[in-house]
Amino acid sequence: MQVISELEMTMISGGEAFTLAAIMACLAAAIVAVICYRLFMSSSGSTTMPGGFKFTWQ
């Protein structure tokens, strides 16, 4: 570990958590969009979501 100066401290900026949360939200929306597309565009099928949720449509 090193001691940093006041100037170096003012140059440090955060934001990694916000970026990661935005990427995860986009990924979740994409997964839901694919499942909805499969649900509405096919005449029959099934899907299993994380957590043990299983859907079947005929």
N, C-alpha and C. Protein backbone atom coordinates (compact mmCIF):
# COMPACT_ATOMS: atom_id res chain seq x y z
N MET A 1 0.84 -1.17 0.00
CA MET A 1 0.00 0.00 0.00
C MET A 1 0.89 1.24 0.00
N GLN A 2 0.39 2.27 -0.65
CA GLN A 2 1.12 3.53 -0.73
C GLN A 2 0.23 4.68 -0.29
N VAL A 3 0.85 5.68 0.26
CA VAL A 3 0.13 6.90 0.60
C VAL A 3 0.06 7.74 -0.67
N ILE A 4 -1.15 8.23 -1.00
CA ILE A 4 -1.31 9.05 -2.20
C ILE A 4 -1.55 10.51 -1.82
N SER A 5 -1.26 11.37 -2.75
CA SER A 5 -1.37 12.80 -2.47
C SER A 5 -2.82 13.26 -2.65
N GLU A 6 -3.07 14.50 -2.25
CA GLU A 6 -4.41 15.09 -2.40
C GLU A 6 -4.82 15.15 -3.88
N LEU A 7 -3.88 15.47 -4.74
CA LEU A 7 -4.17 15.54 -6.18
C LEU A 7 -4.57 14.18 -6.72
N GLU A 8 -3.85 13.15 -6.32
CA GLU A 8 -4.19 11.79 -6.77
C GLU A 8 -5.54 11.35 -6.23
N MET A 9 -5.87 11.77 -5.01
CA MET A 9 -7.18 11.41 -4.44
C MET A 9 -8.33 12.06 -5.21
N THR A 10 -8.13 13.29 -5.66
CA THR A 10 -9.20 13.96 -6.40
C THR A 10 -9.39 13.36 -7.79
N MET A 11 -8.39 12.66 -8.31
CA MET A 11 -8.49 12.07 -9.64
C MET A 11 -9.19 10.71 -9.62
N ILE A 12 -9.35 10.13 -8.44
CA ILE A 12 -10.00 8.82 -8.33
C ILE A 12 -11.51 9.01 -8.48
N SER A 13 -12.10 8.24 -9.36
CA SER A 13 -13.55 8.30 -9.53
C SER A 13 -14.12 6.89 -9.50
N GLY A 14 -15.27 6.77 -8.89
CA GLY A 14 -15.93 5.48 -8.80
C GLY A 14 -16.87 5.29 -9.98
N GLY A 15 -17.77 4.38 -9.86
CA GLY A 15 -18.75 4.18 -10.91
C GLY A 15 -18.77 2.76 -11.42
N GLU A 16 -17.88 1.91 -10.94
CA GLU A 16 -17.85 0.54 -11.43
C GLU A 16 -19.13 -0.21 -11.03
N ALA A 17 -19.62 0.04 -9.84
CA ALA A 17 -20.84 -0.65 -9.39
C ALA A 17 -22.04 -0.25 -10.23
N PHE A 18 -22.14 1.03 -10.58
CA PHE A 18 -23.24 1.49 -11.41
C PHE A 18 -23.16 0.86 -12.80
N THR A 19 -21.97 0.79 -13.37
CA THR A 19 -21.80 0.19 -14.68
C THR A 19 -22.16 -1.29 -14.66
N LEU A 20 -21.70 -1.99 -13.64
CA LEU A 20 -22.01 -3.42 -13.53
C LEU A 20 -23.51 -3.64 -13.36
N ALA A 21 -24.18 -2.80 -12.57
CA ALA A 21 -25.62 -2.93 -12.38
C ALA A 21 -26.37 -2.66 -13.68
N ALA A 22 -25.92 -1.70 -14.46
CA ALA A 22 -26.57 -1.41 -15.75
C ALA A 22 -26.40 -2.57 -16.72
N ILE A 23 -25.22 -3.16 -16.75
CA ILE A 23 -24.99 -4.31 -17.64
C ILE A 23 -25.85 -5.49 -17.22
N MET A 24 -25.95 -5.75 -15.92
CA MET A 24 -26.77 -6.86 -15.44
C MET A 24 -28.25 -6.62 -15.73
N ALA A 25 -28.71 -5.38 -15.63
CA ALA A 25 -30.11 -5.08 -15.94
C ALA A 25 -30.39 -5.30 -17.42
N CYS A 26 -29.47 -4.90 -18.28
CA CYS A 26 -29.64 -5.13 -19.72
C CYS A 26 -29.65 -6.61 -20.04
N LEU A 27 -28.79 -7.37 -19.39
CA LEU A 27 -28.75 -8.81 -19.61
C LEU A 27 -30.05 -9.47 -19.16
N ALA A 28 -30.57 -9.07 -18.02
CA ALA A 28 -31.83 -9.63 -17.53
C ALA A 28 -32.98 -9.29 -18.47
N ALA A 29 -33.01 -8.06 -18.98
CA ALA A 29 -34.05 -7.67 -19.92
C ALA A 29 -33.95 -8.47 -21.21
N ALA A 30 -32.75 -8.74 -21.67
CA ALA A 30 -32.57 -9.54 -22.89
C ALA A 30 -33.05 -10.97 -22.69
N ILE A 31 -32.77 -11.55 -21.53
CA ILE A 31 -33.23 -12.91 -21.26
C ILE A 31 -34.75 -12.97 -21.21
N VAL A 32 -35.37 -12.01 -20.57
CA VAL A 32 -36.84 -11.97 -20.50
C VAL A 32 -37.43 -11.77 -21.90
N ALA A 33 -36.79 -10.95 -22.73
CA ALA A 33 -37.28 -10.72 -24.09
C ALA A 33 -37.23 -12.01 -24.91
N VAL A 34 -36.17 -12.78 -24.77
CA VAL A 34 -36.06 -14.04 -25.51
C VAL A 34 -37.13 -15.02 -25.05
N ILE A 35 -37.36 -15.10 -23.75
CA ILE A 35 -38.39 -16.02 -23.24
C ILE A 35 -39.77 -15.59 -23.73
N CYS A 36 -40.06 -14.29 -23.70
CA CYS A 36 -41.35 -13.81 -24.21
C CYS A 36 -41.50 -14.08 -25.69
N TYR A 37 -40.45 -13.89 -26.45
CA TYR A 37 -40.49 -14.17 -27.89
C TYR A 37 -40.80 -15.64 -28.13
N ARG A 38 -40.11 -16.51 -27.41
CA ARG A 38 -40.37 -17.95 -27.56
C ARG A 38 -41.80 -18.29 -27.16
N LEU A 39 -42.30 -17.64 -26.13
CA LEU A 39 -43.65 -17.92 -25.63
C LEU A 39 -44.71 -17.53 -26.64
N PHE A 40 -44.58 -16.34 -27.23
CA PHE A 40 -45.64 -15.82 -28.09
C PHE A 40 -45.50 -16.24 -29.56
N MET A 41 -44.33 -16.61 -30.01
CA MET A 41 -44.14 -16.93 -31.42
C MET A 41 -44.21 -18.42 -31.72
N SER A 42 -44.22 -19.28 -30.72
CA SER A 42 -44.29 -20.71 -30.99
C SER A 42 -45.65 -21.25 -30.58
N SER A 43 -46.06 -22.31 -31.25
CA SER A 43 -47.36 -22.89 -30.94
C SER A 43 -47.29 -23.80 -29.71
N SER A 44 -46.14 -24.40 -29.44
CA SER A 44 -45.99 -25.21 -28.25
C SER A 44 -44.51 -25.26 -27.88
N GLY A 45 -44.26 -25.54 -26.62
CA GLY A 45 -42.88 -25.63 -26.16
C GLY A 45 -42.81 -25.55 -24.65
N SER A 46 -41.58 -25.46 -24.16
CA SER A 46 -41.39 -25.34 -22.72
C SER A 46 -40.08 -24.59 -22.46
N THR A 47 -39.99 -24.03 -21.27
CA THR A 47 -38.77 -23.35 -20.86
C THR A 47 -38.60 -23.52 -19.36
N THR A 48 -37.35 -23.54 -18.93
CA THR A 48 -37.03 -23.64 -17.51
C THR A 48 -36.19 -22.44 -17.13
N MET A 49 -36.65 -21.72 -16.12
CA MET A 49 -35.94 -20.54 -15.66
C MET A 49 -35.17 -20.88 -14.39
N PRO A 50 -34.13 -20.09 -14.10
CA PRO A 50 -33.40 -20.32 -12.85
C PRO A 50 -34.33 -20.22 -11.65
N GLY A 51 -34.10 -21.07 -10.68
CA GLY A 51 -34.95 -21.08 -9.51
C GLY A 51 -35.95 -22.21 -9.55
N GLY A 52 -35.94 -23.00 -10.63
CA GLY A 52 -36.83 -24.13 -10.74
C GLY A 52 -38.18 -23.85 -11.35
N PHE A 53 -38.37 -22.67 -11.93
CA PHE A 53 -39.63 -22.34 -12.59
C PHE A 53 -39.65 -22.97 -13.96
N LYS A 54 -40.67 -23.77 -14.24
CA LYS A 54 -40.76 -24.44 -15.53
C LYS A 54 -42.12 -24.12 -16.14
N PHE A 55 -42.09 -23.67 -17.40
CA PHE A 55 -43.32 -23.31 -18.11
C PHE A 55 -43.46 -24.18 -19.34
N THR A 56 -44.67 -24.64 -19.59
CA THR A 56 -44.98 -25.44 -20.77
C THR A 56 -46.24 -24.87 -21.41
N TRP A 57 -46.21 -24.66 -22.71
CA TRP A 57 -47.40 -24.19 -23.42
C TRP A 57 -47.63 -25.08 -24.63
N GLN A 58 -48.92 -25.29 -24.92
CA GLN A 58 -49.29 -26.22 -26.01
C GLN A 58 -50.33 -25.60 -26.89
